[in-house]
Structures are given as structure tokens and as C-alpha cells.
Amino acid sequence: MIKTAIENGQNLIVEGCYIPFDWQKDFGSEYLEDIKYFCLVMSEEYIRNHFADIKKYANAIENRLDEEWCTIESVLADNTEILALAQKYDVNYILIEDKYEINIEL
């Protein structure tokens, strides 16, 4: 789907846990030059200060049927793992510390 969008000169946003950190291995250079990848990571302080908002907007993108697993501890653990993987695979990541305000220059 990503390759087709690039071939057709279309824009496409793919979000979420569906993208492996080694995604680049699946694309040739003719595709890589058109792909912009950013991983959003929240600081521990941000999570602790905004956990109620994180829960409040959890269904903004997809309908999650069971939210009982989502605790501040699980979010902190998941976020720590995501940051470690982003650094291990040397991918672009944006650390959200104060405000959830993302501006990406394309």
C-alpha cells in the first residue's frame, strides 16, 4: 500500500504499532527518499502529568474495546521500550516533554 501511494504520487499516513522499527529493509532507495518516518515518544514526566488526557483520547484514532490494561505503569513501560527500540534502530523520534504539539517540516 505504501509503495502504491508513492508510485501514484499520493500522500499516506500510516500510524501505530503496525510499523516495525526495521521497516527500511523492505523498501528500495527509490521509495526511501519519499518516506518520512517519525516515532512519537513521551517523557516519563509528560506521562505522569497527562495520564488522564492520554486515557481520555485513547479512542481518538481507533475504537478500543478494553481499556482496563491501560494503567500508568503499562504506559510508562511501553514508552520506555519504544524509546529503546527507536534508539537501537536509529529512527527519527520526537520526544514529547511539555506539550503534545508536533510540527514537522516536510
N, C-alpha and C. Protein backbone atom coordinates (compact mmCIF):
# COMPACT_ATOMS: atom_id res chain seq x y z
N MET A 1 0.82 -1.17 0.00
CA MET A 1 0.00 0.00 0.00
C MET A 1 0.88 1.26 0.00
N ILE A 2 1.96 1.24 0.77
CA ILE A 2 2.86 2.39 0.83
C ILE A 2 3.54 2.60 -0.52
N LYS A 3 4.01 1.52 -1.12
CA LYS A 3 4.67 1.62 -2.41
C LYS A 3 3.71 2.14 -3.48
N THR A 4 2.49 1.67 -3.46
CA THR A 4 1.49 2.13 -4.43
C THR A 4 1.22 3.62 -4.27
N ALA A 5 1.10 4.08 -3.03
CA ALA A 5 0.88 5.51 -2.79
C ALA A 5 2.03 6.33 -3.34
N ILE A 6 3.26 5.88 -3.13
CA ILE A 6 4.44 6.61 -3.65
C ILE A 6 4.42 6.60 -5.17
N GLU A 7 4.16 5.44 -5.77
CA GLU A 7 4.13 5.32 -7.23
C GLU A 7 3.07 6.22 -7.85
N ASN A 8 1.97 6.43 -7.14
CA ASN A 8 0.88 7.26 -7.64
C ASN A 8 0.98 8.72 -7.21
N GLY A 9 2.09 9.08 -6.55
CA GLY A 9 2.28 10.46 -6.13
C GLY A 9 1.30 10.91 -5.06
N GLN A 10 0.84 9.97 -4.24
CA GLN A 10 -0.14 10.28 -3.21
C GLN A 10 0.53 10.41 -1.84
N ASN A 11 -0.14 11.09 -0.94
CA ASN A 11 0.29 11.16 0.45
C ASN A 11 -0.45 10.09 1.24
N LEU A 12 0.23 9.50 2.20
CA LEU A 12 -0.38 8.45 3.01
C LEU A 12 0.24 8.53 4.40
N ILE A 13 -0.59 8.48 5.41
CA ILE A 13 -0.11 8.44 6.78
C ILE A 13 -0.43 7.06 7.34
N VAL A 14 0.59 6.39 7.84
CA VAL A 14 0.43 5.09 8.48
C VAL A 14 0.88 5.28 9.91
N GLU A 15 0.01 4.96 10.86
CA GLU A 15 0.35 5.21 12.25
C GLU A 15 0.15 3.97 13.09
N GLY A 16 0.80 4.00 14.24
CA GLY A 16 0.55 2.97 15.22
C GLY A 16 1.62 1.92 15.31
N CYS A 17 1.29 0.89 16.01
CA CYS A 17 2.25 -0.18 16.30
C CYS A 17 2.42 -1.15 15.12
N TYR A 18 1.85 -0.80 13.98
CA TYR A 18 1.90 -1.69 12.82
C TYR A 18 3.22 -1.57 12.06
N ILE A 19 4.03 -0.61 12.40
CA ILE A 19 5.26 -0.35 11.67
C ILE A 19 6.44 -0.89 12.48
N PRO A 20 7.15 -1.89 11.96
CA PRO A 20 8.31 -2.40 12.68
C PRO A 20 9.46 -1.39 12.63
N PHE A 21 10.34 -1.44 13.61
CA PHE A 21 11.43 -0.47 13.67
C PHE A 21 12.46 -0.69 12.56
N ASP A 22 12.49 -1.86 11.96
CA ASP A 22 13.42 -2.12 10.85
C ASP A 22 12.72 -2.03 9.50
N TRP A 23 11.70 -1.21 9.40
CA TRP A 23 10.87 -1.07 8.21
C TRP A 23 11.67 -0.74 6.96
N GLN A 24 12.78 -0.04 7.11
CA GLN A 24 13.55 0.43 5.96
C GLN A 24 14.07 -0.71 5.08
N LYS A 25 14.26 -1.88 5.66
CA LYS A 25 14.79 -3.02 4.90
C LYS A 25 13.83 -3.48 3.80
N ASP A 26 12.57 -3.09 3.90
CA ASP A 26 11.56 -3.54 2.95
C ASP A 26 11.36 -2.60 1.77
N PHE A 27 12.17 -1.53 1.69
CA PHE A 27 12.00 -0.54 0.64
C PHE A 27 13.33 -0.24 -0.04
N GLY A 28 13.27 -0.13 -1.36
CA GLY A 28 14.45 0.29 -2.12
C GLY A 28 14.65 1.79 -2.00
N SER A 29 15.80 2.25 -2.46
CA SER A 29 16.14 3.67 -2.34
C SER A 29 15.14 4.57 -3.05
N GLU A 30 14.53 4.07 -4.13
CA GLU A 30 13.55 4.87 -4.87
C GLU A 30 12.31 5.17 -4.03
N TYR A 31 12.05 4.33 -3.03
CA TYR A 31 10.93 4.56 -2.11
C TYR A 31 11.37 5.32 -0.86
N LEU A 32 12.54 4.97 -0.35
CA LEU A 32 13.00 5.57 0.90
C LEU A 32 13.11 7.08 0.84
N GLU A 33 13.45 7.61 -0.32
CA GLU A 33 13.59 9.07 -0.42
C GLU A 33 12.26 9.80 -0.26
N ASP A 34 11.15 9.08 -0.41
CA ASP A 34 9.83 9.69 -0.29
C ASP A 34 9.13 9.37 1.03
N ILE A 35 9.76 8.59 1.88
CA ILE A 35 9.13 8.19 3.14
C ILE A 35 9.70 9.03 4.28
N LYS A 36 8.81 9.60 5.06
CA LYS A 36 9.18 10.35 6.27
C LYS A 36 8.66 9.55 7.46
N TYR A 37 9.55 9.16 8.35
CA TYR A 37 9.18 8.33 9.50
C TYR A 37 9.50 9.08 10.78
N PHE A 38 8.54 9.14 11.67
CA PHE A 38 8.74 9.76 12.98
C PHE A 38 8.05 8.91 14.03
N CYS A 39 8.76 8.62 15.08
CA CYS A 39 8.22 7.87 16.20
C CYS A 39 7.97 8.87 17.33
N LEU A 40 6.77 8.89 17.87
CA LEU A 40 6.44 9.79 18.96
C LEU A 40 6.68 9.08 20.30
N VAL A 41 7.48 9.71 21.14
CA VAL A 41 7.82 9.15 22.44
C VAL A 41 7.53 10.22 23.50
N MET A 42 6.91 9.82 24.57
CA MET A 42 6.58 10.76 25.64
C MET A 42 7.56 10.59 26.80
N SER A 43 7.96 11.69 27.41
CA SER A 43 8.82 11.60 28.58
C SER A 43 8.02 11.04 29.76
N GLU A 44 8.73 10.49 30.73
CA GLU A 44 8.06 9.97 31.92
C GLU A 44 7.27 11.08 32.61
N GLU A 45 7.85 12.25 32.70
CA GLU A 45 7.17 13.38 33.34
C GLU A 45 5.89 13.74 32.59
N TYR A 46 5.96 13.75 31.26
CA TYR A 46 4.77 14.06 30.47
C TYR A 46 3.66 13.05 30.75
N ILE A 47 4.02 11.78 30.76
CA ILE A 47 3.02 10.73 31.00
C ILE A 47 2.40 10.89 32.39
N ARG A 48 3.23 11.12 33.37
CA ARG A 48 2.71 11.28 34.74
C ARG A 48 1.81 12.51 34.86
N ASN A 49 2.16 13.59 34.17
CA ASN A 49 1.38 14.83 34.27
C ASN A 49 0.12 14.82 33.40
N HIS A 50 0.10 13.96 32.38
CA HIS A 50 -1.01 13.99 31.42
C HIS A 50 -1.69 12.64 31.23
N PHE A 51 -1.55 11.75 32.19
CA PHE A 51 -2.12 10.42 32.01
C PHE A 51 -3.63 10.46 31.80
N ALA A 52 -4.32 11.34 32.49
CA ALA A 52 -5.78 11.45 32.32
C ALA A 52 -6.12 11.81 30.87
N ASP A 53 -5.34 12.71 30.26
CA ASP A 53 -5.56 13.07 28.86
C ASP A 53 -5.24 11.91 27.93
N ILE A 54 -4.18 11.19 28.24
CA ILE A 54 -3.80 10.02 27.41
C ILE A 54 -4.96 9.03 27.39
N LYS A 55 -5.54 8.75 28.54
CA LYS A 55 -6.69 7.85 28.61
C LYS A 55 -7.91 8.45 27.90
N LYS A 56 -8.13 9.75 28.09
CA LYS A 56 -9.29 10.42 27.52
C LYS A 56 -9.31 10.33 25.99
N TYR A 57 -8.14 10.43 25.37
CA TYR A 57 -8.06 10.44 23.91
C TYR A 57 -7.61 9.10 23.32
N ALA A 58 -7.63 8.05 24.11
CA ALA A 58 -7.17 6.73 23.64
C ALA A 58 -7.96 6.22 22.45
N ASN A 59 -9.22 6.59 22.35
CA ASN A 59 -10.06 6.11 21.25
C ASN A 59 -10.17 7.10 20.09
N ALA A 60 -9.34 8.10 20.05
CA ALA A 60 -9.44 9.13 19.00
C ALA A 60 -9.16 8.55 17.62
N ILE A 61 -8.28 7.58 17.51
CA ILE A 61 -7.91 7.01 16.21
C ILE A 61 -8.61 5.68 15.96
N GLU A 62 -8.68 4.84 16.98
CA GLU A 62 -9.32 3.54 16.81
C GLU A 62 -10.15 3.22 18.05
N ASN A 63 -11.21 2.48 17.86
CA ASN A 63 -12.10 2.12 18.96
C ASN A 63 -11.49 0.96 19.73
N ARG A 64 -11.09 1.23 20.95
CA ARG A 64 -10.51 0.19 21.79
C ARG A 64 -11.58 -0.31 22.74
N LEU A 65 -11.85 -1.59 22.67
CA LEU A 65 -12.96 -2.15 23.43
C LEU A 65 -12.64 -2.36 24.90
N ASP A 66 -11.38 -2.68 25.21
CA ASP A 66 -11.00 -2.98 26.58
C ASP A 66 -9.84 -2.07 26.98
N GLU A 67 -10.08 -1.18 27.93
CA GLU A 67 -9.06 -0.24 28.37
C GLU A 67 -8.52 -0.57 29.76
N GLU A 68 -8.95 -1.67 30.35
CA GLU A 68 -8.51 -1.99 31.70
C GLU A 68 -7.02 -2.23 31.80
N TRP A 69 -6.41 -2.71 30.73
CA TRP A 69 -4.97 -2.97 30.73
C TRP A 69 -4.16 -1.68 30.76
N CYS A 70 -4.77 -0.58 30.39
CA CYS A 70 -4.06 0.70 30.24
C CYS A 70 -3.93 1.39 31.60
N THR A 71 -2.81 1.15 32.23
CA THR A 71 -2.50 1.79 33.50
C THR A 71 -1.30 2.70 33.30
N ILE A 72 -1.06 3.57 34.24
CA ILE A 72 0.10 4.45 34.11
C ILE A 72 1.39 3.61 34.07
N GLU A 73 1.42 2.50 34.79
CA GLU A 73 2.59 1.63 34.79
C GLU A 73 2.80 0.99 33.41
N SER A 74 1.71 0.54 32.78
CA SER A 74 1.85 -0.10 31.46
C SER A 74 2.25 0.92 30.40
N VAL A 75 1.72 2.14 30.49
CA VAL A 75 2.08 3.18 29.53
C VAL A 75 3.55 3.56 29.70
N LEU A 76 4.00 3.70 30.94
CA LEU A 76 5.42 4.02 31.18
C LEU A 76 6.32 2.91 30.65
N ALA A 77 5.96 1.67 30.91
CA ALA A 77 6.78 0.53 30.44
C ALA A 77 6.81 0.47 28.91
N ASP A 78 5.65 0.61 28.27
CA ASP A 78 5.59 0.59 26.81
C ASP A 78 6.41 1.73 26.22
N ASN A 79 6.30 2.89 26.79
CA ASN A 79 7.00 4.06 26.29
C ASN A 79 8.52 3.89 26.42
N THR A 80 8.97 3.31 27.54
CA THR A 80 10.40 3.04 27.74
C THR A 80 10.91 2.08 26.68
N GLU A 81 10.12 1.07 26.38
CA GLU A 81 10.50 0.09 25.35
C GLU A 81 10.56 0.74 23.96
N ILE A 82 9.59 1.59 23.65
CA ILE A 82 9.55 2.26 22.36
C ILE A 82 10.77 3.16 22.19
N LEU A 83 11.13 3.90 23.23
CA LEU A 83 12.31 4.77 23.16
C LEU A 83 13.57 3.95 22.94
N ALA A 84 13.71 2.85 23.65
CA ALA A 84 14.89 1.99 23.49
C ALA A 84 14.98 1.43 22.06
N LEU A 85 13.85 1.02 21.50
CA LEU A 85 13.85 0.48 20.13
C LEU A 85 14.13 1.58 19.10
N ALA A 86 13.59 2.75 19.32
CA ALA A 86 13.85 3.87 18.41
C ALA A 86 15.33 4.20 18.39
N GLN A 87 15.96 4.18 19.55
CA GLN A 87 17.39 4.45 19.63
C GLN A 87 18.21 3.30 19.05
N LYS A 88 17.82 2.07 19.33
CA LYS A 88 18.53 0.89 18.80
C LYS A 88 18.54 0.89 17.28
N TYR A 89 17.40 1.19 16.66
CA TYR A 89 17.28 1.16 15.21
C TYR A 89 17.58 2.52 14.56
N ASP A 90 17.95 3.49 15.38
CA ASP A 90 18.36 4.81 14.90
C ASP A 90 17.32 5.44 13.98
N VAL A 91 16.07 5.42 14.43
CA VAL A 91 15.00 6.04 13.65
C VAL A 91 14.70 7.42 14.23
N ASN A 92 14.07 8.25 13.42
CA ASN A 92 13.68 9.58 13.89
C ASN A 92 12.61 9.44 14.96
N TYR A 93 12.84 10.08 16.09
CA TYR A 93 11.80 10.11 17.10
C TYR A 93 11.68 11.52 17.66
N ILE A 94 10.47 11.84 18.09
CA ILE A 94 10.17 13.14 18.68
C ILE A 94 9.81 12.89 20.14
N LEU A 95 10.57 13.51 21.03
CA LEU A 95 10.31 13.36 22.45
C LEU A 95 9.34 14.44 22.90
N ILE A 96 8.20 14.02 23.38
CA ILE A 96 7.16 14.94 23.87
C ILE A 96 7.39 15.14 25.36
N GLU A 97 7.75 16.38 25.73
CA GLU A 97 8.08 16.65 27.12
C GLU A 97 7.11 17.61 27.81
N ASP A 98 6.77 18.69 27.14
CA ASP A 98 5.92 19.71 27.76
C ASP A 98 4.51 19.71 27.19
N LYS A 99 4.42 19.91 25.88
CA LYS A 99 3.13 19.98 25.21
C LYS A 99 3.10 18.95 24.08
N TYR A 100 1.94 18.40 23.84
CA TYR A 100 1.76 17.50 22.70
C TYR A 100 1.44 18.36 21.50
N GLU A 101 2.49 18.95 20.97
CA GLU A 101 2.34 19.83 19.82
C GLU A 101 3.45 19.48 18.84
N ILE A 102 3.09 18.83 17.75
CA ILE A 102 4.07 18.33 16.81
C ILE A 102 4.01 19.14 15.52
N ASN A 103 5.13 19.70 15.13
CA ASN A 103 5.24 20.41 13.85
C ASN A 103 6.41 19.81 13.09
N ILE A 104 6.12 19.17 11.99
CA ILE A 104 7.15 18.51 11.20
C ILE A 104 7.33 19.24 9.88
N GLU A 105 8.55 19.63 9.60
CA GLU A 105 8.85 20.27 8.32
C GLU A 105 8.97 19.18 7.26
N LEU A 106 8.16 19.29 6.22
CA LEU A 106 8.24 18.31 5.13
C LEU A 106 8.91 18.95 3.99
